[in-house]
């Protein structure tokens, strides 16, 4: 799973918000960067499992190790 993530700090929410651009609506938040990262890994897997169950296509990561 090599999906690119975007992590931002929300002063208003006092938390870190992580989004996954390749997976629409896939996001997580937590109080620390490490917690947010661990949380989004679970959310990515849940997003993929839900898409497969619904018969939807799972997008390939647009940015992976081959792009370095």
PDB file of N, CA and C in Angstrom:
ATOM      1  N   UNK A   1       0.841  -1.171   0.000  1.00  0.00           N
ATOM      2  CA  UNK A   1       0.000   0.000   0.000  1.00  0.00           C
ATOM      3  C   UNK A   1       0.887   1.235   0.000  1.00  0.00           C
ATOM      4  N   UNK A   2       1.048   1.839  -1.143  1.00  0.00           N
ATOM      5  CA  UNK A   2       1.909   3.011  -1.259  1.00  0.00           C
ATOM      6  C   UNK A   2       1.131   4.260  -1.621  1.00  0.00           C
ATOM      7  N   UNK A   3       0.014   4.479  -0.969  1.00  0.00           N
ATOM      8  CA  UNK A   3      -0.775   5.665  -1.263  1.00  0.00           C
ATOM      9  C   UNK A   3      -0.136   6.892  -0.625  1.00  0.00           C
ATOM     10  N   UNK A   4      -0.125   7.960  -1.375  1.00  0.00           N
ATOM     11  CA  UNK A   4       0.364   9.238  -0.881  1.00  0.00           C
ATOM     12  C   UNK A   4      -0.658   9.782   0.124  1.00  0.00           C
ATOM     13  N   UNK A   5      -0.159  10.369   1.198  1.00  0.00           N
ATOM     14  CA  UNK A   5      -1.052  11.004   2.158  1.00  0.00           C
ATOM     15  C   UNK A   5      -0.653  12.468   2.301  1.00  0.00           C
ATOM     16  N   UNK A   6      -1.610  13.267   2.739  1.00  0.00           N
ATOM     17  CA  UNK A   6      -1.365  14.675   3.031  1.00  0.00           C
ATOM     18  C   UNK A   6      -1.777  14.893   4.481  1.00  0.00           C
ATOM     19  N   UNK A   7      -0.832  15.371   5.290  1.00  0.00           N
ATOM     20  CA  UNK A   7      -1.113  15.607   6.704  1.00  0.00           C
ATOM     21  C   UNK A   7      -1.038  17.102   6.984  1.00  0.00           C
ATOM     22  N   UNK A   8      -2.068  17.607   7.642  1.00  0.00           N
ATOM     23  CA  UNK A   8      -2.122  19.020   8.006  1.00  0.00           C
ATOM     24  C   UNK A   8      -2.514  19.136   9.470  1.00  0.00           C
ATOM     25  N   UNK A   9      -2.051  20.197  10.102  1.00  0.00           N
ATOM     26  CA  UNK A   9      -2.453  20.464  11.484  1.00  0.00           C
ATOM     27  C   UNK A   9      -3.616  21.434  11.482  1.00  0.00           C
ATOM     28  N   UNK A  10      -4.629  21.132  12.262  1.00  0.00           N
ATOM     29  CA  UNK A  10      -5.780  22.016  12.403  1.00  0.00           C
ATOM     30  C   UNK A  10      -5.741  22.653  13.793  1.00  0.00           C
ATOM     31  N   UNK A  11      -5.413  23.935  13.835  1.00  0.00           N
ATOM     32  CA  UNK A  11      -5.395  24.640  15.118  1.00  0.00           C
ATOM     33  C   UNK A  11      -6.809  24.726  15.693  1.00  0.00           C
ATOM     34  N   UNK A  12      -7.778  24.880  14.810  1.00  0.00           N
ATOM     35  CA  UNK A  12      -9.170  24.965  15.250  1.00  0.00           C
ATOM     36  C   UNK A  12      -9.615  23.666  15.912  1.00  0.00           C
ATOM     37  N   UNK A  13      -9.237  22.525  15.301  1.00  0.00           N
ATOM     38  CA  UNK A  13      -9.613  21.228  15.846  1.00  0.00           C
ATOM     39  C   UNK A  13      -8.589  20.651  16.803  1.00  0.00           C
ATOM     40  N   UNK A  14      -7.427  21.316  16.903  1.00  0.00           N
ATOM     41  CA  UNK A  14      -6.338  20.854  17.754  1.00  0.00           C
ATOM     42  C   UNK A  14      -5.985  19.397  17.448  1.00  0.00           C
ATOM     43  N   UNK A  15      -5.852  19.107  16.137  1.00  0.00           N
ATOM     44  CA  UNK A  15      -5.538  17.743  15.729  1.00  0.00           C
ATOM     45  C   UNK A  15      -4.848  17.752  14.372  1.00  0.00           C
ATOM     46  N   UNK A  16      -4.311  16.596  14.011  1.00  0.00           N
ATOM     47  CA  UNK A  16      -3.711  16.405  12.702  1.00  0.00           C
ATOM     48  C   UNK A  16      -4.718  15.685  11.813  1.00  0.00           C
ATOM     49  N   UNK A  17      -4.897  16.195  10.613  1.00  0.00           N
ATOM     50  CA  UNK A  17      -5.844  15.630   9.667  1.00  0.00           C
ATOM     51  C   UNK A  17      -5.065  15.052   8.492  1.00  0.00           C
ATOM     52  N   UNK A  18      -5.358  13.802   8.174  1.00  0.00           N
ATOM     53  CA  UNK A  18      -4.673  13.118   7.080  1.00  0.00           C
ATOM     54  C   UNK A  18      -5.693  12.776   6.001  1.00  0.00           C
ATOM     55  N   UNK A  19      -5.386  13.133   4.761  1.00  0.00           N
ATOM     56  CA  UNK A  19      -6.233  12.766   3.634  1.00  0.00           C
ATOM     57  C   UNK A  19      -5.426  11.902   2.671  1.00  0.00           C
ATOM     58  N   UNK A  20      -6.154  11.116   1.870  1.00  0.00           N
ATOM     59  CA  UNK A  20      -5.538  10.234   0.878  1.00  0.00           C
ATOM     60  C   UNK A  20      -6.110  10.653  -0.478  1.00  0.00           C
ATOM     61  N   UNK A  21      -5.374  11.486  -1.225  1.00  0.00           N
ATOM     62  CA  UNK A  21      -5.910  12.039  -2.475  1.00  0.00           C
ATOM     63  C   UNK A  21      -6.404  11.005  -3.481  1.00  0.00           C
ATOM     64  N   UNK A  22      -5.778   9.836  -3.543  1.00  0.00           N
ATOM     65  CA  UNK A  22      -6.185   8.810  -4.509  1.00  0.00           C
ATOM     66  C   UNK A  22      -7.489   8.108  -4.137  1.00  0.00           C
ATOM     67  N   UNK A  23      -7.903   8.223  -2.875  1.00  0.00           N
ATOM     68  CA  UNK A  23      -9.106   7.526  -2.403  1.00  0.00           C
ATOM     69  C   UNK A  23     -10.109   8.561  -1.906  1.00  0.00           C
ATOM     70  N   UNK A  24     -11.039   8.982  -2.746  1.00  0.00           N
ATOM     71  CA  UNK A  24     -11.979  10.046  -2.393  1.00  0.00           C
ATOM     72  C   UNK A  24     -12.700   9.795  -1.068  1.00  0.00           C
ATOM     73  N   UNK A  25     -12.647  10.797  -0.211  1.00  0.00           N
ATOM     74  CA  UNK A  25     -13.329  10.708   1.072  1.00  0.00           C
ATOM     75  C   UNK A  25     -12.545   9.976   2.143  1.00  0.00           C
ATOM     76  N   UNK A  26     -11.381   9.458   1.814  1.00  0.00           N
ATOM     77  CA  UNK A  26     -10.573   8.704   2.772  1.00  0.00           C
ATOM     78  C   UNK A  26      -9.760   9.695   3.594  1.00  0.00           C
ATOM     79  N   UNK A  27     -10.065   9.752   4.890  1.00  0.00           N
ATOM     80  CA  UNK A  27      -9.357  10.678   5.766  1.00  0.00           C
ATOM     81  C   UNK A  27      -9.427  10.209   7.204  1.00  0.00           C
ATOM     82  N   UNK A  28      -8.511  10.712   8.013  1.00  0.00           N
ATOM     83  CA  UNK A  28      -8.469  10.368   9.430  1.00  0.00           C
ATOM     84  C   UNK A  28      -7.920  11.564  10.194  1.00  0.00           C
ATOM     85  N   UNK A  29      -8.131  11.565  11.495  1.00  0.00           N
ATOM     86  CA  UNK A  29      -7.544  12.619  12.325  1.00  0.00           C
ATOM     87  C   UNK A  29      -7.206  12.055  13.693  1.00  0.00           C
ATOM     88  N   UNK A  30      -6.261  12.691  14.324  1.00  0.00           N
ATOM     89  CA  UNK A  30      -5.838  12.320  15.682  1.00  0.00           C
ATOM     90  C   UNK A  30      -5.087  13.491  16.292  1.00  0.00           C
ATOM     91  N   UNK A  31      -4.753  13.363  17.567  1.00  0.00           N
ATOM     92  CA  UNK A  31      -4.091  14.446  18.285  1.00  0.00           C
ATOM     93  C   UNK A  31      -2.610  14.584  17.974  1.00  0.00           C
ATOM     94  N   UNK A  32      -1.937  13.490  17.610  1.00  0.00           N
ATOM     95  CA  UNK A  32      -0.521  13.557  17.288  1.00  0.00           C
ATOM     96  C   UNK A  32      -0.293  13.077  15.851  1.00  0.00           C
ATOM     97  N   UNK A  33       0.819  13.482  15.235  1.00  0.00           N
ATOM     98  CA  UNK A  33       1.098  13.020  13.876  1.00  0.00           C
ATOM     99  C   UNK A  33       1.198  11.496  13.792  1.00  0.00           C
ATOM    100  N   UNK A  34       1.857  10.880  14.761  1.00  0.00           N
ATOM    101  CA  UNK A  34       2.003   9.419  14.735  1.00  0.00           C
ATOM    102  C   UNK A  34       0.661   8.713  14.850  1.00  0.00           C
ATOM    103  N   UNK A  35      -0.194   9.194  15.742  1.00  0.00           N
ATOM    104  CA  UNK A  35      -1.524   8.590  15.890  1.00  0.00           C
ATOM    105  C   UNK A  35      -2.338   8.763  14.614  1.00  0.00           C
ATOM    106  N   UNK A  36      -2.237   9.939  13.994  1.00  0.00           N
ATOM    107  CA  UNK A  36      -2.979  10.190  12.752  1.00  0.00           C
ATOM    108  C   UNK A  36      -2.499   9.260  11.646  1.00  0.00           C
ATOM    109  N   UNK A  37      -1.183   9.051  11.558  1.00  0.00           N
ATOM    110  CA  UNK A  37      -0.635   8.169  10.542  1.00  0.00           C
ATOM    111  C   UNK A  37      -1.089   6.730  10.766  1.00  0.00           C
ATOM    112  N   UNK A  38      -1.028   6.262  12.007  1.00  0.00           N
ATOM    113  CA  UNK A  38      -1.479   4.900  12.299  1.00  0.00           C
ATOM    114  C   UNK A  38      -2.967   4.744  12.008  1.00  0.00           C
ATOM    115  N   UNK A  39      -3.748   5.750  12.344  1.00  0.00           N
ATOM    116  CA  UNK A  39      -5.188   5.714  12.114  1.00  0.00           C
ATOM    117  C   UNK A  39      -5.507   5.661  10.622  1.00  0.00           C
ATOM    118  N   UNK A  40      -4.814   6.462   9.810  1.00  0.00           N
ATOM    119  CA  UNK A  40      -5.127   6.498   8.387  1.00  0.00           C
ATOM    120  C   UNK A  40      -4.771   5.177   7.707  1.00  0.00           C
ATOM    121  N   UNK A  41      -3.778   4.465   8.207  1.00  0.00           N
ATOM    122  CA  UNK A  41      -3.454   3.159   7.618  1.00  0.00           C
ATOM    123  C   UNK A  41      -4.654   2.214   7.750  1.00  0.00           C
ATOM    124  N   UNK A  42      -5.321   2.245   8.893  1.00  0.00           N
ATOM    125  CA  UNK A  42      -6.521   1.424   9.088  1.00  0.00           C
ATOM    126  C   UNK A  42      -7.658   1.899   8.198  1.00  0.00           C
ATOM    127  N   UNK A  43      -7.812   3.203   8.085  1.00  0.00           N
ATOM    128  CA  UNK A  43      -8.890   3.774   7.270  1.00  0.00           C
ATOM    129  C   UNK A  43      -8.686   3.438   5.791  1.00  0.00           C
ATOM    130  N   UNK A  44      -7.443   3.457   5.327  1.00  0.00           N
ATOM    131  CA  UNK A  44      -7.163   3.080   3.935  1.00  0.00           C
ATOM    132  C   UNK A  44      -7.614   1.653   3.676  1.00  0.00           C
ATOM    133  N   UNK A  45      -7.268   0.744   4.584  1.00  0.00           N
ATOM    134  CA  UNK A  45      -7.655  -0.656   4.399  1.00  0.00           C
ATOM    135  C   UNK A  45      -9.171  -0.810   4.423  1.00  0.00           C
ATOM    136  N   UNK A  46      -9.839  -0.087   5.320  1.00  0.00           N
ATOM    137  CA  UNK A  46     -11.305  -0.136   5.379  1.00  0.00           C
ATOM    138  C   UNK A  46     -11.914   0.419   4.098  1.00  0.00           C
ATOM    139  N   UNK A  47     -11.345   1.500   3.558  1.00  0.00           N
ATOM    140  CA  UNK A  47     -11.835   2.090   2.312  1.00  0.00           C
ATOM    141  C   UNK A  47     -11.737   1.066   1.190  1.00  0.00           C
ATOM    142  N   UNK A  48     -10.582   0.407   1.085  1.00  0.00           N
ATOM    143  CA  UNK A  48     -10.368  -0.593   0.039  1.00  0.00           C
ATOM    144  C   UNK A  48     -11.329  -1.772   0.209  1.00  0.00           C
ATOM    145  N   UNK A  49     -11.472  -2.264   1.430  1.00  0.00           N
ATOM    146  CA  UNK A  49     -12.380  -3.389   1.679  1.00  0.00           C
ATOM    147  C   UNK A  49     -13.819  -3.038   1.320  1.00  0.00           C
ATOM    148  N   UNK A  50     -14.242  -1.843   1.675  1.00  0.00           N
ATOM    149  CA  UNK A  50     -15.606  -1.396   1.378  1.00  0.00           C
ATOM    150  C   UNK A  50     -15.816  -1.271  -0.125  1.00  0.00           C
ATOM    151  N   UNK A  51     -14.836  -0.704  -0.821  1.00  0.00           N
ATOM    152  CA  UNK A  51     -14.953  -0.558  -2.277  1.00  0.00           C
ATOM    153  C   UNK A  51     -15.056  -1.921  -2.944  1.00  0.00           C
ATOM    154  N   UNK A  52     -14.230  -2.871  -2.530  1.00  0.00           N
ATOM    155  CA  UNK A  52     -14.258  -4.210  -3.125  1.00  0.00           C
ATOM    156  C   UNK A  52     -15.593  -4.891  -2.863  1.00  0.00           C
ATOM    157  N   UNK A  53     -16.108  -4.769  -1.645  1.00  0.00           N
ATOM    158  CA  UNK A  53     -17.395  -5.372  -1.292  1.00  0.00           C
ATOM    159  C   UNK A  53     -18.522  -4.791  -2.137  1.00  0.00           C
ATOM    160  N   UNK A  54     -18.422  -3.495  -2.431  1.00  0.00           N
ATOM    161  CA  UNK A  54     -19.447  -2.819  -3.233  1.00  0.00           C
ATOM    162  C   UNK A  54     -19.227  -3.013  -4.729  1.00  0.00           C
ATOM    163  N   UNK A  55     -18.149  -3.705  -5.108  1.00  0.00           N
ATOM    164  CA  UNK A  55     -17.877  -3.927  -6.521  1.00  0.00           C
ATOM    165  C   UNK A  55     -17.294  -2.722  -7.233  1.00  0.00           C
ATOM    166  N   UNK A  56     -16.783  -1.761  -6.465  1.00  0.00           N
ATOM    167  CA  UNK A  56     -16.182  -0.574  -7.074  1.00  0.00           C
ATOM    168  C   UNK A  56     -14.696  -0.807  -7.322  1.00  0.00           C
ATOM    169  N   UNK A  57     -14.162  -0.090  -8.278  1.00  0.00           N
ATOM    170  CA  UNK A  57     -12.752  -0.171  -8.596  1.00  0.00           C
ATOM    171  C   UNK A  57     -11.923   0.522  -7.518  1.00  0.00           C
ATOM    172  N   UNK A  58     -10.798  -0.081  -7.166  1.00  0.00           N
ATOM    173  CA  UNK A  58      -9.872   0.519  -6.209  1.00  0.00           C
ATOM    174  C   UNK A  58      -8.746   1.169  -7.007  1.00  0.00           C
ATOM    175  N   UNK A  59      -8.612   2.478  -6.915  1.00  0.00           N
ATOM    176  CA  UNK A  59      -7.571   3.156  -7.681  1.00  0.00           C
ATOM    177  C   UNK A  59      -6.170   2.696  -7.270  1.00  0.00           C
ATOM    178  N   UNK A  60      -5.298   2.609  -8.262  1.00  0.00           N
ATOM    179  CA  UNK A  60      -3.896   2.326  -7.982  1.00  0.00           C
ATOM    180  C   UNK A  60      -3.273   3.599  -7.399  1.00  0.00           C
ATOM    181  N   UNK A  61      -2.269   3.448  -6.546  1.00  0.00           N
ATOM    182  CA  UNK A  61      -1.587   4.650  -6.046  1.00  0.00           C
ATOM    183  C   UNK A  61      -0.975   5.430  -7.202  1.00  0.00           C
ATOM    184  N   UNK A  62      -1.185   6.734  -7.209  1.00  0.00           N
ATOM    185  CA  UNK A  62      -0.630   7.548  -8.284  1.00  0.00           C
ATOM    186  C   UNK A  62       0.816   7.913  -8.014  1.00  0.00           C
ATOM    187  N   UNK A  63       1.251   7.711  -6.796  1.00  0.00           N
ATOM    188  CA  UNK A  63       2.621   8.037  -6.433  1.00  0.00           C
ATOM    189  C   UNK A  63       3.142   6.935  -5.538  1.00  0.00           C
ATOM    190  N   UNK A  64       4.058   6.127  -6.073  1.00  0.00           N
ATOM    191  CA  UNK A  64       4.610   5.027  -5.292  1.00  0.00           C
ATOM    192  C   UNK A  64       6.111   5.022  -5.323  1.00  0.00           C
ATOM    193  N   UNK A  65       6.681   3.953  -4.862  1.00  0.00           N
ATOM    194  CA  UNK A  65       8.136   3.838  -4.767  1.00  0.00           C
ATOM    195  C   UNK A  65       8.803   3.974  -6.128  1.00  0.00           C
ATOM    196  N   UNK A  66       8.138   3.563  -7.197  1.00  0.00           N
ATOM    197  CA  UNK A  66       8.737   3.642  -8.524  1.00  0.00           C
ATOM    198  C   UNK A  66       8.903   5.075  -9.010  1.00  0.00           C
ATOM    199  N   UNK A  67       8.244   6.018  -8.335  1.00  0.00           N
ATOM    200  CA  UNK A  67       8.287   7.413  -8.777  1.00  0.00           C
ATOM    201  C   UNK A  67       9.410   8.209  -8.145  1.00  0.00           C
ATOM    202  N   UNK A  68      10.217   7.592  -7.303  1.00  0.00           N
ATOM    203  CA  UNK A  68      11.302   8.322  -6.638  1.00  0.00           C
ATOM    204  C   UNK A  68      12.479   8.463  -7.553  1.00  0.00           C
TER     205      UNK A  68
END
